[in-house]
Amino acid sequence: MLNFNYYAPTKVVFGKDTEKQAGQLVKEFGGTKVLVHFGGNSAKKSGLLDKVFKSLKDAGIEYLELGGVVPNPRLSLVQKGIELCKKENIDFILAVGGGSVIDSAKGIAMGATTDTPVWDFYLGKAKSTKCLPVGTVLTIAAAGSEMSCSSVITNEDGDIKRGLNNDLYRPRFSIMNPELTMTLPEWQTSSGCADIMMHTMERYFAADKDHSMVVDSIAVGIMKTVIYYSRILIKRPQDYTARAEIMWAGSLSHNTLTGPFGNGDWATHQLEHELSAMFDVTHGAGLAALWATWARYVYKEDIDRFISFATDVFGIPAPKSEAERDDVANAGIDAMEQFFRDINMPTTIREFKTDWNEDIIKELARKASFDGKRTVGAIKKLERRDMEEIYRKAY
């Protein structure tokens, strides 16, 4: 097993009616004046925001509101939140929503404590050394941002999407009530399940061949759980057990538990970031549309890992001869692709009905490769021309 550091400090409060504890938890972690950050009208219409506001009032905590977060959260709203926090002396950010809201809240929390332009942190031009504390009330099981050190923001100027990892803005607490996810449309639920799978798989397909049995067992368990319960949610969206299992799997998939070594692949994520930045597609759906093409492009670089994926996750019989190894590896990829279809996720870019031509392919690869200055991936280092070919084949 490789050396590693593991840090997952978030206090989780899980179960029915837990959103009523928001004020108490903010107070516990030192908040006195809170920015409540959220998305659109659903949090208001459902009555969730009213419950959160009441909880804050009962705890004697002042608060201001900032809504308007959209999927693939925008830098302009982060900047607006930063200005509001500085003007009003906000000392705590409470994100009420899914991954986009939480990612936006993290950006605000980081930018509110400095005069450095927050986008410089996402570009790697500067490093943050302090941050306002963040808490969450989770409404979508997907991104895992409620326990992660990750934030991904889209800059509308150039449609550039960049991610940043920083332990400073890991949420101090996360409230998780599975009932809050029951009103989600099927598309969002399934996109979330795809995202959870991919957070686990990006770590499972790691560069180093010295895999840890205990970490692999956790990863395989999470993947099998998501596969099983996401199919149930297609038929029974009000199933509390399924919602709860998926929600907890989402948190565990992205709090580094399934890959503490830092050597995951992440190529599919990097390619998808440019796809969703340009076309504003749902992140999990974009990952589903790209993954099988990436897998078929790289699997021979670590065929043993793809065979393990096929046998351990999908129960495909292990190869009995050298000649069967390719077949088993590809059977695992096919099974994963079929799972995405089973939960009504796209498996090609064409299904998004986007404009598509060679110029777009080259532009996506240019952005993903930082103008040819970086490679992505771990199993196979993808250069700009590889990225172009994957985008091309994924269509």
Protein backbone atom coordinates (compact mmCIF):
# COMPACT_ATOMS: atom_id res chain seq x y z
CA MET A 1 0.00 0.00 0.00
CA LEU A 2 1.22 3.50 -0.85
CA ASN A 3 1.79 6.24 1.71
CA PHE A 4 -1.13 8.65 2.00
CA ASN A 5 -2.78 11.43 4.00
CA TYR A 6 -6.48 11.19 4.76
CA TYR A 7 -8.54 14.13 5.98
CA ALA A 8 -12.36 14.10 6.20
CA PRO A 9 -13.41 16.46 9.00
CA THR A 10 -17.06 17.05 8.06
CA LYS A 11 -19.67 16.39 10.74
CA VAL A 12 -22.56 14.51 9.12
CA VAL A 13 -26.10 14.82 10.46
CA PHE A 14 -28.14 12.28 8.51
CA GLY A 15 -31.84 11.47 8.48
CA LYS A 16 -35.39 12.78 8.47
CA ASP A 17 -36.05 16.38 9.59
CA THR A 18 -32.34 17.06 10.15
CA GLU A 19 -32.60 20.36 8.27
CA LYS A 20 -34.24 21.75 11.42
CA GLN A 21 -30.82 21.55 13.12
CA ALA A 22 -29.17 24.04 10.75
CA GLY A 23 -29.12 26.96 13.18
CA GLN A 24 -27.82 24.85 16.04
CA LEU A 25 -25.00 23.53 13.86
CA VAL A 26 -24.02 26.94 12.50
CA LYS A 27 -23.81 28.17 16.09
CA GLU A 28 -21.75 25.12 17.09
CA PHE A 29 -19.18 26.01 14.44
CA GLY A 30 -18.93 29.68 15.37
CA GLY A 31 -21.27 31.34 12.87
CA THR A 32 -23.01 34.55 13.95
CA LYS A 33 -23.96 36.13 10.61
CA VAL A 34 -24.68 33.74 7.77
CA LEU A 35 -24.99 33.94 4.01
CA VAL A 36 -27.60 31.37 2.97
CA HIS A 37 -26.70 30.37 -0.58
CA PHE A 38 -29.13 28.44 -2.77
CA GLY A 39 -30.30 27.80 -6.31
CA GLY A 40 -33.69 28.49 -7.85
CA ASN A 41 -37.27 28.38 -6.71
CA SER A 42 -37.45 24.72 -5.67
CA ALA A 43 -35.89 25.34 -2.26
CA LYS A 44 -38.46 28.07 -1.65
CA LYS A 45 -41.49 26.26 -3.05
CA SER A 46 -40.74 23.11 -1.07
CA GLY A 47 -40.64 25.03 2.19
CA LEU A 48 -37.05 23.95 2.87
CA LEU A 49 -35.69 27.50 3.04
CA ASP A 50 -38.40 28.50 5.50
CA LYS A 51 -37.37 25.64 7.77
CA VAL A 52 -33.73 26.64 7.54
CA PHE A 53 -34.50 30.32 8.19
CA LYS A 54 -36.63 29.42 11.22
CA SER A 55 -33.84 27.26 12.57
CA LEU A 56 -31.37 30.13 12.20
CA LYS A 57 -33.74 32.59 13.87
CA ASP A 58 -34.37 30.18 16.75
CA ALA A 59 -30.60 29.96 17.27
CA GLY A 60 -30.30 33.74 17.30
CA ILE A 61 -28.28 33.88 14.10
CA GLU A 62 -28.53 36.70 11.56
CA TYR A 63 -28.67 35.75 7.91
CA LEU A 64 -28.75 37.13 4.39
CA GLU A 65 -29.91 35.32 1.25
CA LEU A 66 -28.20 34.81 -2.09
CA GLY A 67 -30.00 32.60 -4.59
CA GLY A 68 -29.60 32.09 -8.29
CA VAL A 69 -27.06 29.27 -8.52
CA VAL A 70 -27.43 27.29 -11.75
CA PRO A 71 -25.91 23.95 -12.81
CA ASN A 72 -22.26 24.43 -13.73
CA PRO A 73 -22.13 27.37 -11.25
CA ARG A 74 -21.01 30.70 -12.60
CA LEU A 75 -18.09 32.84 -11.53
CA SER A 76 -20.21 36.02 -11.73
CA LEU A 77 -22.47 34.85 -8.88
CA VAL A 78 -19.45 33.79 -6.82
CA GLN A 79 -18.05 37.30 -7.22
CA LYS A 80 -21.39 38.79 -6.22
CA GLY A 81 -21.40 36.62 -3.10
CA ILE A 82 -17.87 37.67 -2.22
CA GLU A 83 -18.81 41.36 -2.43
CA LEU A 84 -21.88 40.76 -0.26
CA CYS A 85 -19.89 38.89 2.39
CA LYS A 86 -17.30 41.65 2.64
CA LYS A 87 -19.91 44.41 2.77
CA GLU A 88 -22.06 42.69 5.41
CA ASN A 89 -19.28 41.10 7.50
CA ILE A 90 -20.56 37.57 6.92
CA ASP A 91 -18.70 34.96 8.96
CA PHE A 92 -20.31 31.70 7.77
CA ILE A 93 -21.64 30.34 4.45
CA LEU A 94 -24.58 27.92 4.51
CA ALA A 95 -25.20 26.18 1.19
CA VAL A 96 -28.74 24.83 0.72
CA GLY A 97 -28.78 22.72 -2.42
CA GLY A 98 -26.71 20.30 -4.45
CA GLY A 99 -23.16 20.24 -5.72
CA SER A 100 -23.42 23.40 -7.79
CA VAL A 101 -24.65 25.42 -4.81
CA ILE A 102 -21.98 23.96 -2.52
CA ASP A 103 -19.20 24.55 -5.07
CA SER A 104 -20.34 28.14 -5.48
CA ALA A 105 -20.45 28.57 -1.69
CA LYS A 106 -16.88 27.29 -1.43
CA GLY A 107 -15.72 29.83 -3.99
CA ILE A 108 -17.45 32.63 -2.07
CA ALA A 109 -16.01 31.44 1.23
CA MET A 110 -12.50 31.46 -0.20
CA GLY A 111 -12.79 34.80 -1.97
CA ALA A 112 -14.42 36.62 0.95
CA THR A 113 -11.23 36.56 3.01
CA THR A 114 -8.82 38.06 0.48
CA ASP A 115 -8.34 40.79 -2.10
CA THR A 116 -6.91 38.29 -4.58
CA PRO A 117 -9.32 37.68 -7.49
CA VAL A 118 -10.98 34.35 -6.72
CA TRP A 119 -10.53 33.10 -10.30
CA ASP A 120 -6.76 33.23 -9.77
CA PHE A 121 -7.13 30.37 -7.27
CA TYR A 122 -8.99 28.23 -9.80
CA LEU A 123 -6.35 28.99 -12.44
CA GLY A 124 -3.55 28.04 -10.06
CA LYS A 125 -2.06 31.54 -10.12
CA ALA A 126 -2.52 31.98 -6.36
CA LYS A 127 -3.01 29.77 -3.32
CA SER A 128 -5.61 30.47 -0.65
CA THR A 129 -4.49 30.43 2.98
CA LYS A 130 -7.78 31.23 4.73
CA CYS A 131 -11.47 30.76 4.17
CA LEU A 132 -14.85 31.35 5.80
CA PRO A 133 -16.39 28.19 7.26
CA VAL A 134 -18.97 26.39 5.12
CA GLY A 135 -21.93 24.20 6.08
CA THR A 136 -24.43 22.44 3.84
CA VAL A 137 -28.01 21.27 3.67
CA LEU A 138 -27.87 18.74 0.85
CA THR A 139 -30.76 18.39 -1.60
CA ILE A 140 -29.19 16.34 -4.42
CA ALA A 141 -27.14 13.15 -4.11
CA ALA A 142 -24.52 13.57 -6.82
CA ALA A 143 -21.40 15.68 -6.60
CA GLY A 144 -20.22 14.67 -3.12
CA SER A 145 -19.20 18.29 -2.55
CA GLU A 146 -20.82 18.13 0.89
CA MET A 147 -17.76 16.25 2.22
CA SER A 148 -15.09 16.97 -0.39
CA CYS A 149 -12.26 19.45 -0.82
CA SER A 150 -13.36 20.12 -4.42
CA SER A 151 -15.06 23.07 -6.10
CA VAL A 152 -15.69 23.51 -9.82
CA ILE A 153 -16.69 26.90 -11.28
CA THR A 154 -17.47 28.08 -14.82
CA ASN A 155 -16.18 31.42 -16.03
CA GLU A 156 -18.69 32.77 -18.53
CA ASP A 157 -15.90 34.76 -20.19
CA GLY A 158 -14.71 32.08 -22.59
CA ASP A 159 -16.88 29.28 -21.17
CA ILE A 160 -13.97 27.95 -19.16
CA LYS A 161 -14.62 25.45 -16.38
CA ARG A 162 -11.95 24.89 -13.73
CA GLY A 163 -11.76 22.79 -10.59
CA LEU A 164 -9.83 23.42 -7.41
CA ASN A 165 -9.04 21.24 -4.40
CA ASN A 166 -8.55 22.96 -1.04
CA ASP A 167 -9.09 21.47 2.41
CA LEU A 168 -9.84 24.92 3.84
CA TYR A 169 -13.36 24.89 2.45
CA ARG A 170 -14.32 21.34 3.27
CA PRO A 171 -17.75 21.76 4.92
CA ARG A 172 -17.68 21.86 8.71
CA PHE A 173 -21.01 20.05 8.75
CA SER A 174 -23.41 18.56 6.24
CA ILE A 175 -27.08 17.94 6.86
CA MET A 176 -28.41 15.03 4.79
CA ASN A 177 -32.11 14.26 4.74
CA PRO A 178 -32.85 11.74 1.96
CA GLU A 179 -36.47 12.92 1.84
CA LEU A 180 -35.27 16.23 0.36
CA THR A 181 -34.24 14.38 -2.82
CA MET A 182 -37.62 12.73 -3.44
CA THR A 183 -39.02 15.57 -5.55
CA LEU A 184 -36.13 15.58 -8.00
CA PRO A 185 -36.88 14.85 -11.66
CA GLU A 186 -35.66 11.47 -12.88
CA TRP A 187 -33.00 13.15 -15.04
CA GLN A 188 -31.37 14.83 -12.04
CA THR A 189 -31.56 11.69 -9.92
CA SER A 190 -29.96 9.55 -12.61
CA SER A 191 -27.35 12.18 -13.46
CA GLY A 192 -26.45 12.21 -9.78
CA CYS A 193 -26.09 8.44 -9.71
CA ALA A 194 -23.81 8.61 -12.76
CA ASP A 195 -21.69 11.27 -11.05
CA ILE A 196 -21.36 9.13 -7.91
CA MET A 197 -20.26 6.16 -9.98
CA MET A 198 -17.70 8.25 -11.80
CA HIS A 199 -16.23 9.76 -8.63
CA THR A 200 -15.60 6.22 -7.46
CA MET A 201 -14.39 4.90 -10.82
CA GLU A 202 -11.98 7.77 -11.45
CA ARG A 203 -10.18 6.69 -8.28
CA TYR A 204 -10.59 2.96 -8.91
CA PHE A 205 -8.81 3.27 -12.26
CA ALA A 206 -5.63 4.59 -10.67
CA ALA A 207 -2.15 4.89 -12.11
CA ASP A 208 -0.37 2.73 -9.55
CA LYS A 209 -0.69 -1.06 -9.83
CA ASP A 210 -0.21 -1.51 -6.05
CA HIS A 211 -3.92 -1.33 -5.24
CA SER A 212 -5.17 -1.59 -1.68
CA MET A 213 -7.58 -4.44 -1.02
CA VAL A 214 -9.48 -2.51 1.65
CA VAL A 215 -9.86 0.59 -0.56
CA ASP A 216 -10.89 -1.52 -3.55
CA SER A 217 -13.48 -3.32 -1.42
CA ILE A 218 -15.00 -0.01 -0.32
CA ALA A 219 -15.04 1.28 -3.91
CA VAL A 220 -16.61 -1.89 -5.29
CA GLY A 221 -19.21 -1.85 -2.52
CA ILE A 222 -20.18 1.73 -3.32
CA MET A 223 -20.41 1.02 -7.05
CA LYS A 224 -22.59 -2.07 -6.54
CA THR A 225 -24.80 -0.14 -4.12
CA VAL A 226 -25.34 2.69 -6.61
CA ILE A 227 -26.04 0.27 -9.47
CA TYR A 228 -28.60 -1.62 -7.39
CA TYR A 229 -30.46 1.31 -5.83
CA SER A 230 -30.41 3.65 -8.83
CA ARG A 231 -32.36 1.05 -10.79
CA ILE A 232 -34.89 0.92 -7.93
CA LEU A 233 -35.27 4.72 -8.02
CA ILE A 234 -36.23 4.58 -11.69
CA LYS A 235 -39.23 2.47 -10.65
CA ARG A 236 -39.86 3.83 -7.14
CA PRO A 237 -38.59 7.41 -6.78
CA GLN A 238 -40.17 7.74 -3.31
CA ASP A 239 -38.27 4.77 -1.86
CA TYR A 240 -36.60 6.17 1.28
CA THR A 241 -34.08 3.36 1.64
CA ALA A 242 -32.90 3.77 -1.94
CA ARG A 243 -32.64 7.54 -1.54
CA ALA A 244 -30.69 7.14 1.70
CA GLU A 245 -28.26 4.58 0.29
CA ILE A 246 -27.59 6.72 -2.78
CA MET A 247 -27.11 9.87 -0.70
CA TRP A 248 -24.57 8.27 1.62
CA ALA A 249 -22.79 6.60 -1.30
CA GLY A 250 -22.45 10.02 -2.93
CA SER A 251 -20.72 11.45 0.12
CA LEU A 252 -18.37 8.50 0.55
CA SER A 253 -17.50 8.45 -3.14
CA HIS A 254 -15.92 11.90 -3.03
CA ASN A 255 -14.50 12.39 0.47
CA THR A 256 -11.29 10.58 -0.61
CA LEU A 257 -12.25 7.34 1.14
CA THR A 258 -12.28 5.42 -2.16
CA GLY A 259 -8.89 6.70 -3.27
CA PRO A 260 -6.69 8.43 -0.70
CA PHE A 261 -3.51 7.99 -2.76
CA GLY A 262 -4.18 10.87 -5.15
CA ASN A 263 -3.35 8.86 -8.27
CA GLY A 264 -6.77 8.48 -9.84
CA ASP A 265 -7.35 8.91 -13.57
CA TRP A 266 -9.87 11.81 -13.85
CA ALA A 267 -9.55 12.04 -17.64
CA THR A 268 -13.30 11.63 -18.16
CA HIS A 269 -13.96 14.44 -15.70
CA GLN A 270 -11.49 16.77 -17.39
CA LEU A 271 -12.96 16.07 -20.82
CA GLU A 272 -16.49 16.53 -19.50
CA HIS A 273 -15.69 19.85 -17.88
CA GLU A 274 -15.10 21.38 -21.30
CA LEU A 275 -18.22 19.71 -22.71
CA SER A 276 -20.47 21.14 -19.99
CA ALA A 277 -18.73 24.52 -20.08
CA MET A 278 -19.39 24.85 -23.82
CA PHE A 279 -22.85 23.26 -24.01
CA ASP A 280 -24.08 23.52 -20.40
CA VAL A 281 -24.94 19.82 -20.27
CA THR A 282 -25.64 18.19 -16.91
CA HIS A 283 -22.34 17.03 -15.45
CA GLY A 284 -23.28 13.44 -14.58
CA ALA A 285 -24.95 12.94 -17.95
CA GLY A 286 -21.87 14.29 -19.72
CA LEU A 287 -19.69 11.83 -17.82
CA ALA A 288 -21.96 8.95 -18.85
CA ALA A 289 -21.77 10.05 -22.48
CA LEU A 290 -17.96 10.02 -22.46
CA TRP A 291 -16.91 7.18 -20.17
CA ALA A 292 -17.26 4.10 -22.39
CA THR A 293 -15.40 5.79 -25.24
CA TRP A 294 -12.56 6.70 -22.88
CA ALA A 295 -12.53 3.15 -21.48
CA ARG A 296 -12.30 1.48 -24.88
CA TYR A 297 -9.56 3.92 -25.86
CA VAL A 298 -7.33 3.16 -22.85
CA TYR A 299 -8.21 -0.28 -21.46
CA LYS A 300 -5.23 -2.13 -22.93
CA GLU A 301 -2.91 0.12 -20.90
CA ASP A 302 -4.12 -1.65 -17.74
CA ILE A 303 -6.23 -4.58 -18.86
CA ASP A 304 -5.92 -6.30 -15.48
CA ARG A 305 -7.77 -3.43 -13.83
CA PHE A 306 -10.56 -3.52 -16.37
CA ILE A 307 -10.87 -7.27 -15.88
CA SER A 308 -11.15 -6.75 -12.11
CA PHE A 309 -13.81 -4.11 -12.73
CA ALA A 310 -15.79 -6.54 -14.87
CA THR A 311 -15.56 -9.46 -12.45
CA ASP A 312 -15.88 -7.63 -9.12
CA VAL A 313 -18.52 -5.03 -10.00
CA PHE A 314 -20.62 -6.87 -12.58
CA GLY A 315 -19.93 -10.51 -11.74
CA ILE A 316 -18.61 -11.36 -15.19
CA PRO A 317 -16.68 -14.68 -15.10
CA ALA A 318 -12.92 -14.25 -15.02
CA PRO A 319 -11.02 -15.14 -18.20
CA LYS A 320 -9.87 -18.75 -18.38
CA SER A 321 -7.21 -18.09 -20.98
CA GLU A 322 -5.12 -15.27 -22.38
CA ALA A 323 -7.39 -15.16 -25.40
CA GLU A 324 -10.42 -14.29 -23.23
CA ARG A 325 -8.86 -11.32 -21.45
CA ASP A 326 -9.91 -8.72 -24.02
CA ASP A 327 -13.43 -10.13 -24.10
CA VAL A 328 -13.86 -9.89 -20.32
CA ALA A 329 -12.46 -6.37 -20.14
CA ASN A 330 -14.80 -5.24 -22.90
CA ALA A 331 -17.73 -7.05 -21.33
CA GLY A 332 -17.23 -4.92 -18.21
CA ILE A 333 -17.21 -1.74 -20.28
CA ASP A 334 -20.35 -2.91 -22.10
CA ALA A 335 -22.06 -3.68 -18.77
CA MET A 336 -21.28 -0.22 -17.45
CA GLU A 337 -22.58 1.37 -20.62
CA GLN A 338 -25.77 -0.68 -20.33
CA PHE A 339 -26.20 0.46 -16.73
CA PHE A 340 -26.15 4.06 -17.90
CA ARG A 341 -28.82 3.21 -20.45
CA ASP A 342 -30.89 1.44 -17.77
CA ILE A 343 -31.10 4.68 -15.77
CA ASN A 344 -31.83 6.69 -18.93
CA MET A 345 -28.46 8.37 -19.20
CA PRO A 346 -26.87 9.19 -22.57
CA THR A 347 -23.96 7.08 -23.79
CA THR A 348 -23.03 9.34 -26.71
CA ILE A 349 -22.63 13.10 -27.08
CA ARG A 350 -25.03 12.96 -30.03
CA GLU A 351 -27.91 12.42 -27.59
CA PHE A 352 -27.53 15.98 -26.29
CA LYS A 353 -28.49 17.24 -29.76
CA THR A 354 -25.62 19.72 -29.75
CA ASP A 355 -24.04 21.27 -32.82
CA TRP A 356 -20.99 19.17 -33.65
CA ASN A 357 -18.15 19.50 -36.12
CA GLU A 358 -14.38 19.26 -36.32
CA ASP A 359 -13.91 22.85 -35.19
CA ILE A 360 -15.84 22.14 -32.00
CA ILE A 361 -13.84 18.95 -31.38
CA LYS A 362 -10.58 20.83 -31.75
CA GLU A 363 -11.77 23.65 -29.51
CA LEU A 364 -12.83 21.24 -26.76
CA ALA A 365 -9.45 19.49 -26.93
CA ARG A 366 -7.63 22.82 -26.97
CA LYS A 367 -9.33 23.88 -23.75
CA ALA A 368 -9.00 20.48 -22.06
CA SER A 369 -5.29 20.36 -22.89
CA PHE A 370 -4.69 23.99 -21.83
CA ASP A 371 -3.58 24.83 -25.38
CA GLY A 372 -1.55 21.63 -25.57
CA LYS A 373 0.37 22.38 -22.37
CA ARG A 374 -1.02 19.53 -20.25
CA THR A 375 -2.03 15.91 -20.49
CA VAL A 376 -4.94 14.35 -18.58
CA GLY A 377 -5.45 10.86 -17.24
CA ALA A 378 -3.38 8.32 -15.34
CA ILE A 379 -3.90 4.90 -16.93
CA LYS A 380 -2.97 6.55 -20.24
CA LYS A 381 -1.68 10.10 -20.45
CA LEU A 382 -3.93 11.72 -23.02
CA GLU A 383 -2.39 14.37 -25.21
CA ARG A 384 -4.35 16.87 -27.24
CA ARG A 385 -4.70 14.55 -30.23
CA ASP A 386 -5.99 11.75 -27.95
CA MET A 387 -8.59 14.09 -26.54
CA GLU A 388 -9.74 15.02 -30.02
CA GLU A 389 -10.14 11.35 -30.91
CA ILE A 390 -12.14 10.56 -27.77
CA TYR A 391 -14.48 13.52 -28.37
CA ARG A 392 -14.83 12.39 -31.98
CA LYS A 393 -15.61 8.76 -31.12
CA ALA A 394 -17.92 9.71 -28.23
CA TYR A 395 -20.22 11.56 -30.60
